[in-house]
C-alpha atoms as a PDB file:
ATOM      1  CA  THR A   1      24.822 -11.441  42.100  1.00  0.00           C
ATOM      2  CA  THR A   2      24.018  -7.893  41.042  1.00  0.00           C
ATOM      3  CA  SER A   3      24.806  -8.604  37.396  1.00  0.00           C
ATOM      4  CA  ALA A   4      22.709 -11.785  37.495  1.00  0.00           C
ATOM      5  CA  LEU A   5      19.819  -9.800  38.954  1.00  0.00           C
ATOM      6  CA  ASN A   6      20.195  -7.095  36.277  1.00  0.00           C
ATOM      7  CA  SER A   7      20.279  -9.649  33.474  1.00  0.00           C
ATOM      8  CA  ALA A   8      17.197 -11.412  34.856  1.00  0.00           C
ATOM      9  CA  LEU A   9      15.381  -8.093  35.108  1.00  0.00           C
ATOM     10  CA  CYS A  10      16.423  -7.173  31.566  1.00  0.00           C
ATOM     11  CA  LEU A  11      15.219 -10.550  30.270  1.00  0.00           C
ATOM     12  CA  ARG A  12      11.893 -10.100  32.064  1.00  0.00           C
ATOM     13  CA  ARG A  13      11.418  -6.640  30.540  1.00  0.00           C
ATOM     14  CA  ALA A  14      12.234  -7.932  27.061  1.00  0.00           C
ATOM     15  CA  THR A  15       9.794 -10.824  27.425  1.00  0.00           C
ATOM     16  CA  LEU A  16       7.063  -8.477  28.625  1.00  0.00           C
ATOM     17  CA  PHE A  17       7.726  -6.090  25.728  1.00  0.00           C
ATOM     18  CA  VAL A  18       7.540  -8.891  23.152  1.00  0.00           C
ATOM     19  CA  SER A  19       4.287 -10.203  24.609  1.00  0.00           C
ATOM     20  CA  ILE A  20       2.694  -6.738  24.622  1.00  0.00           C
ATOM     21  CA  VAL A  21       3.766  -5.968  21.057  1.00  0.00           C
ATOM     22  CA  SER A  22       2.672  -9.348  19.696  1.00  0.00           C
ATOM     23  CA  THR A  23      -0.708  -9.062  21.420  1.00  0.00           C
ATOM     24  CA  TRP A  24      -1.140  -5.562  20.056  1.00  0.00           C
ATOM     25  CA  LEU A  25      -0.255  -6.612  16.513  1.00  0.00           C
ATOM     26  CA  PHE A  26      -2.266  -9.816  16.344  1.00  0.00           C
ATOM     27  CA  ARG A  27      -5.434  -8.336  17.777  1.00  0.00           C
ATOM     28  CA  GLY A  28      -5.523  -6.001  14.835  1.00  0.00           C
ATOM     29  CA  HIS A  29      -4.822  -2.719  16.585  1.00  0.00           C
ATOM     30  CA  TYR A  30      -2.160  -1.938  14.015  1.00  0.00           C
ATOM     31  CA  VAL A  31      -2.997  -4.087  10.999  1.00  0.00           C
ATOM     32  CA  TYR A  32      -6.660  -3.112  10.601  1.00  0.00           C
ATOM     33  CA  PRO A  33      -6.210   0.681  10.416  1.00  0.00           C
ATOM     34  CA  LEU A  34      -3.448   0.216   7.849  1.00  0.00           C
ATOM     35  CA  GLY A  35      -5.704  -1.982   5.721  1.00  0.00           C
ATOM     36  CA  ALA A  36      -8.584   0.459   6.076  1.00  0.00           C
ATOM     37  CA  ARG A  37      -6.385   3.341   4.968  1.00  0.00           C
ATOM     38  CA  ILE A  38      -5.201   1.408   1.910  1.00  0.00           C
ATOM     39  CA  GLN A  39      -8.771   0.450   1.044  1.00  0.00           C
ATOM     40  CA  ASP A  40      -9.991   4.056   1.377  1.00  0.00           C
ATOM     41  CA  ASP A  41      -7.094   5.281  -0.740  1.00  0.00           C
ATOM     42  CA  MET A  42      -7.787   2.738  -3.480  1.00  0.00           C
ATOM     43  CA  ALA A  43     -11.518   3.522  -3.455  1.00  0.00           C
ATOM     44  CA  SER A  44     -10.781   7.201  -3.979  1.00  0.00           C
ATOM     45  CA  ARG A  45      -8.464   6.455  -6.923  1.00  0.00           C
ATOM     46  CA  LEU A  46     -10.768   4.017  -8.689  1.00  0.00           C
ATOM     47  CA  PRO A  47     -12.766   6.601 -10.723  1.00  0.00           C
ATOM     48  CA  PHE A  48      -9.525   8.169 -11.981  1.00  0.00           C
ATOM     49  CA  ILE A  49      -8.229   4.783 -13.126  1.00  0.00           C
ATOM     50  CA  GLY A  50     -11.479   4.251 -15.029  1.00  0.00           C
ATOM     51  CA  LEU A  51     -11.176   7.625 -16.752  1.00  0.00           C
ATOM     52  CA  GLY A  52      -7.563   6.930 -17.650  1.00  0.00           C
ATOM     53  CA  ALA A  53      -8.549   3.583 -19.157  1.00  0.00           C
ATOM     54  CA  LEU A  54     -11.316   5.248 -21.142  1.00  0.00           C
ATOM     55  CA  TYR A  55      -8.944   7.868 -22.545  1.00  0.00           C
ATOM     56  CA  PHE A  56      -6.382   5.154 -23.300  1.00  0.00           C
ATOM     57  CA  VAL A  57      -8.915   3.226 -25.388  1.00  0.00           C
ATOM     58  CA  ILE A  58      -9.932   6.381 -27.238  1.00  0.00           C
ATOM     59  CA  VAL A  59      -6.320   7.268 -28.106  1.00  0.00           C
ATOM     60  CA  VAL A  60      -5.312   3.723 -29.076  1.00  0.00           C
ATOM     61  CA  SER A  61      -8.345   3.294 -31.322  1.00  0.00           C
ATOM     62  CA  ASP A  62      -7.343   6.319 -33.409  1.00  0.00           C
ATOM     63  CA  ALA A  63      -6.423   4.931 -36.833  1.00  0.00           C
ATOM     64  CA  SER A  64      -4.263   7.883 -37.851  1.00  0.00           C
ATOM     65  CA  LEU A  65      -1.612   7.065 -35.248  1.00  0.00           C
ATOM     66  CA  GLY A  66       0.882   4.267 -35.727  1.00  0.00           C
ATOM     67  CA  PHE A  67       0.990   1.314 -33.356  1.00  0.00           C
ATOM     68  CA  ALA A  68       3.954   2.476 -31.258  1.00  0.00           C
ATOM     69  CA  ALA A  69       2.904   6.127 -31.208  1.00  0.00           C
ATOM     70  CA  GLY A  70      -0.617   5.132 -30.173  1.00  0.00           C
ATOM     71  CA  ARG A  71       0.656   3.001 -27.308  1.00  0.00           C
ATOM     72  CA  VAL A  72       3.070   5.654 -26.059  1.00  0.00           C
ATOM     73  CA  LEU A  73       0.496   8.419 -26.273  1.00  0.00           C
ATOM     74  CA  GLY A  74      -2.108   6.111 -24.719  1.00  0.00           C
ATOM     75  CA  GLY A  75       0.237   5.444 -21.801  1.00  0.00           C
ATOM     76  CA  VAL A  76       0.783   9.144 -21.280  1.00  0.00           C
ATOM     77  CA  VAL A  77      -2.959   9.812 -21.381  1.00  0.00           C
ATOM     78  CA  PHE A  78      -3.641   6.922 -18.987  1.00  0.00           C
ATOM     79  CA  SER A  79      -1.066   8.138 -16.478  1.00  0.00           C
ATOM     80  CA  LEU A  80      -2.517  11.656 -16.559  1.00  0.00           C
ATOM     81  CA  GLY A  81      -5.954  10.187 -15.913  1.00  0.00           C
END
């Protein structure tokens, strides 16, 4: 009977843990801060992406470079931002 009591107690603890974790996750205590952090991070990077795109267009539009060299150099300039 002791092992049956221990297994019932272990099952009860596991059920309680699952219910607490699922309530915590689905109420947004974990998901919302993660989304807010991603959104803040993307908002801070947006001006740098715009500058990289601007420099990419300037490099690619240079007529003295060949097609492949312009694309490679444009990619390097874009990644440096």
